[in-house]
Amino acid sequence: MAYDAYETVAASQTAQVLGGSGALLDYLAGVLVVPETTSPGNVIIIDNATSITVFTGGASSVSSLVPFFIPLGIRSSSGAWKMTTGAAVHCIAVGQFS
């Protein structure tokens, strides 16, 4: 499957919709997490209303500022994918979004 979309999510964002408006069955291939400090905040994906923590973050949770990819390969079962990021961490979500 080709992934034809990506969405950047800045640090400290709350429930940012992935895509124009997002929709049921949108595909989330994965998330590139880009820590800005060795103690970045968490990363949460939201399937419309259901929250899923994909990176907990916290004090000394990473040893370097090297970005890392979290593969997911999941479709939304409830509505638009959304993402919440903590302080000092931004992300690039990759997939097919409406």
C-alpha atoms as a PDB file:
ATOM      1  CA  MET A   1       0.000   0.000   0.000  1.00  0.00           C
ATOM      2  CA  ALA A   2       1.317   3.421  -0.890  1.00  0.00           C
ATOM      3  CA  TYR A   3       1.103   6.121   1.734  1.00  0.00           C
ATOM      4  CA  ASP A   4       0.119   9.308   0.017  1.00  0.00           C
ATOM      5  CA  ALA A   5      -0.179  11.633   2.959  1.00  0.00           C
ATOM      6  CA  TYR A   6       1.711  12.913   5.919  1.00  0.00           C
ATOM      7  CA  GLU A   7       0.812  15.445   8.558  1.00  0.00           C
ATOM      8  CA  THR A   8       3.173  17.323  10.829  1.00  0.00           C
ATOM      9  CA  VAL A   9       2.107  17.815  14.429  1.00  0.00           C
ATOM     10  CA  ALA A  10       3.976  20.433  16.461  1.00  0.00           C
ATOM     11  CA  ALA A  11       4.875  20.055  20.118  1.00  0.00           C
ATOM     12  CA  SER A  12       2.133  20.704  22.691  1.00  0.00           C
ATOM     13  CA  GLN A  13      -0.810  20.124  20.339  1.00  0.00           C
ATOM     14  CA  THR A  14      -4.164  18.787  21.523  1.00  0.00           C
ATOM     15  CA  ALA A  15      -6.268  16.460  19.348  1.00  0.00           C
ATOM     16  CA  GLN A  16      -5.006  17.788  15.996  1.00  0.00           C
ATOM     17  CA  VAL A  17      -7.022  16.143  13.201  1.00  0.00           C
ATOM     18  CA  LEU A  18      -4.875  14.232  10.694  1.00  0.00           C
ATOM     19  CA  GLY A  19      -5.891  15.232   7.169  1.00  0.00           C
ATOM     20  CA  GLY A  20      -8.381  17.837   6.015  1.00  0.00           C
ATOM     21  CA  SER A  21     -11.258  16.648   8.142  1.00  0.00           C
ATOM     22  CA  GLY A  22     -10.461  12.986   8.751  1.00  0.00           C
ATOM     23  CA  ALA A  23     -12.913  10.118   8.412  1.00  0.00           C
ATOM     24  CA  LEU A  24     -13.810   6.587   9.365  1.00  0.00           C
ATOM     25  CA  LEU A  25     -11.346   4.047   7.859  1.00  0.00           C
ATOM     26  CA  ASP A  26      -8.501   6.558   7.401  1.00  0.00           C
ATOM     27  CA  TYR A  27      -5.200   4.630   7.491  1.00  0.00           C
ATOM     28  CA  LEU A  28      -2.381   5.441   9.930  1.00  0.00           C
ATOM     29  CA  ALA A  29       0.794   3.658   8.799  1.00  0.00           C
ATOM     30  CA  GLY A  30       2.899   5.046  11.621  1.00  0.00           C
ATOM     31  CA  VAL A  31       4.319   8.025  13.431  1.00  0.00           C
ATOM     32  CA  LEU A  32       7.809   9.519  13.219  1.00  0.00           C
ATOM     33  CA  VAL A  33       8.571  10.887  16.684  1.00  0.00           C
ATOM     34  CA  VAL A  34      11.083  13.745  16.807  1.00  0.00           C
ATOM     35  CA  PRO A  35      12.252  14.437  20.359  1.00  0.00           C
ATOM     36  CA  GLU A  36      13.485  17.970  21.009  1.00  0.00           C
ATOM     37  CA  THR A  37      15.091  17.072  24.371  1.00  0.00           C
ATOM     38  CA  THR A  38      16.020  13.838  26.157  1.00  0.00           C
ATOM     39  CA  SER A  39      12.939  14.305  28.356  1.00  0.00           C
ATOM     40  CA  PRO A  40      10.161  14.818  25.778  1.00  0.00           C
ATOM     41  CA  GLY A  41       6.447  14.689  26.451  1.00  0.00           C
ATOM     42  CA  ASN A  42       4.108  11.908  25.390  1.00  0.00           C
ATOM     43  CA  VAL A  43       2.481  11.137  22.040  1.00  0.00           C
ATOM     44  CA  ILE A  44      -1.148  10.039  21.886  1.00  0.00           C
ATOM     45  CA  ILE A  45      -3.195   9.004  18.866  1.00  0.00           C
ATOM     46  CA  ILE A  46      -6.955   9.307  19.074  1.00  0.00           C
ATOM     47  CA  ASP A  47      -9.448   7.285  17.032  1.00  0.00           C
ATOM     48  CA  ASN A  48     -12.109   9.989  17.110  1.00  0.00           C
ATOM     49  CA  ALA A  49     -12.700   9.562  20.870  1.00  0.00           C
ATOM     50  CA  THR A  50     -10.512   6.611  21.974  1.00  0.00           C
ATOM     51  CA  SER A  51      -7.034   7.649  23.183  1.00  0.00           C
ATOM     52  CA  ILE A  52      -4.025   5.378  22.654  1.00  0.00           C
ATOM     53  CA  THR A  53      -0.626   6.324  24.079  1.00  0.00           C
ATOM     54  CA  VAL A  54       2.069   5.324  21.575  1.00  0.00           C
ATOM     55  CA  PHE A  55       4.988   6.995  23.392  1.00  0.00           C
ATOM     56  CA  THR A  56       4.972   7.721  27.101  1.00  0.00           C
ATOM     57  CA  GLY A  57       7.909  10.125  27.182  1.00  0.00           C
ATOM     58  CA  GLY A  58       9.061  11.599  30.459  1.00  0.00           C
ATOM     59  CA  ALA A  59      12.327  12.253  32.272  1.00  0.00           C
ATOM     60  CA  SER A  60      15.309  10.826  30.353  1.00  0.00           C
ATOM     61  CA  SER A  61      12.992   8.673  28.204  1.00  0.00           C
ATOM     62  CA  VAL A  62      15.323   8.929  25.195  1.00  0.00           C
ATOM     63  CA  SER A  63      19.107   8.919  25.194  1.00  0.00           C
ATOM     64  CA  SER A  64      19.522  11.071  22.068  1.00  0.00           C
ATOM     65  CA  LEU A  65      17.585  13.392  19.802  1.00  0.00           C
ATOM     66  CA  VAL A  66      17.458  10.861  16.953  1.00  0.00           C
ATOM     67  CA  PRO A  67      13.938  10.590  15.479  1.00  0.00           C
ATOM     68  CA  PHE A  68      12.319   7.148  15.639  1.00  0.00           C
ATOM     69  CA  PHE A  69       9.402   5.557  13.798  1.00  0.00           C
ATOM     70  CA  ILE A  70       6.495   3.781  15.476  1.00  0.00           C
ATOM     71  CA  PRO A  71       4.848   1.455  12.920  1.00  0.00           C
ATOM     72  CA  LEU A  72       1.092   1.108  13.389  1.00  0.00           C
ATOM     73  CA  GLY A  73      -0.700  -0.048  10.221  1.00  0.00           C
ATOM     74  CA  ILE A  74      -4.196   0.644  11.544  1.00  0.00           C
ATOM     75  CA  ARG A  75      -7.472   2.042  10.244  1.00  0.00           C
ATOM     76  CA  SER A  76      -9.768   4.335  12.164  1.00  0.00           C
ATOM     77  CA  SER A  77     -12.838   2.506  13.415  1.00  0.00           C
ATOM     78  CA  SER A  78     -14.601   5.523  14.860  1.00  0.00           C
ATOM     79  CA  GLY A  79     -13.830   8.667  12.863  1.00  0.00           C
ATOM     80  CA  ALA A  80     -10.942  11.044  12.244  1.00  0.00           C
ATOM     81  CA  TRP A  81      -7.474  10.197  13.528  1.00  0.00           C
ATOM     82  CA  LYS A  82      -6.216  12.894  15.886  1.00  0.00           C
ATOM     83  CA  MET A  83      -2.893  13.368  17.628  1.00  0.00           C
ATOM     84  CA  THR A  84      -1.870  14.975  20.885  1.00  0.00           C
ATOM     85  CA  THR A  85       1.768  15.779  21.626  1.00  0.00           C
ATOM     86  CA  GLY A  86       3.422  16.794  24.866  1.00  0.00           C
ATOM     87  CA  ALA A  87       6.076  19.434  25.330  1.00  0.00           C
ATOM     88  CA  ALA A  88       9.373  19.134  23.449  1.00  0.00           C
ATOM     89  CA  VAL A  89       8.249  16.469  20.971  1.00  0.00           C
ATOM     90  CA  HIS A  90       6.838  16.846  17.492  1.00  0.00           C
ATOM     91  CA  CYS A  91       5.708  14.182  15.037  1.00  0.00           C
ATOM     92  CA  ILE A  92       5.056  13.323  11.441  1.00  0.00           C
ATOM     93  CA  ALA A  93       2.074  11.017  10.956  1.00  0.00           C
ATOM     94  CA  VAL A  94       2.177   8.926   7.762  1.00  0.00           C
ATOM     95  CA  GLY A  95      -0.821   7.276   6.108  1.00  0.00           C
ATOM     96  CA  GLN A  96      -3.903   7.983   4.038  1.00  0.00           C
ATOM     97  CA  PHE A  97      -6.076  10.709   5.525  1.00  0.00           C
ATOM     98  CA  SER A  98      -9.325  12.302   4.306  1.00  0.00           C
END
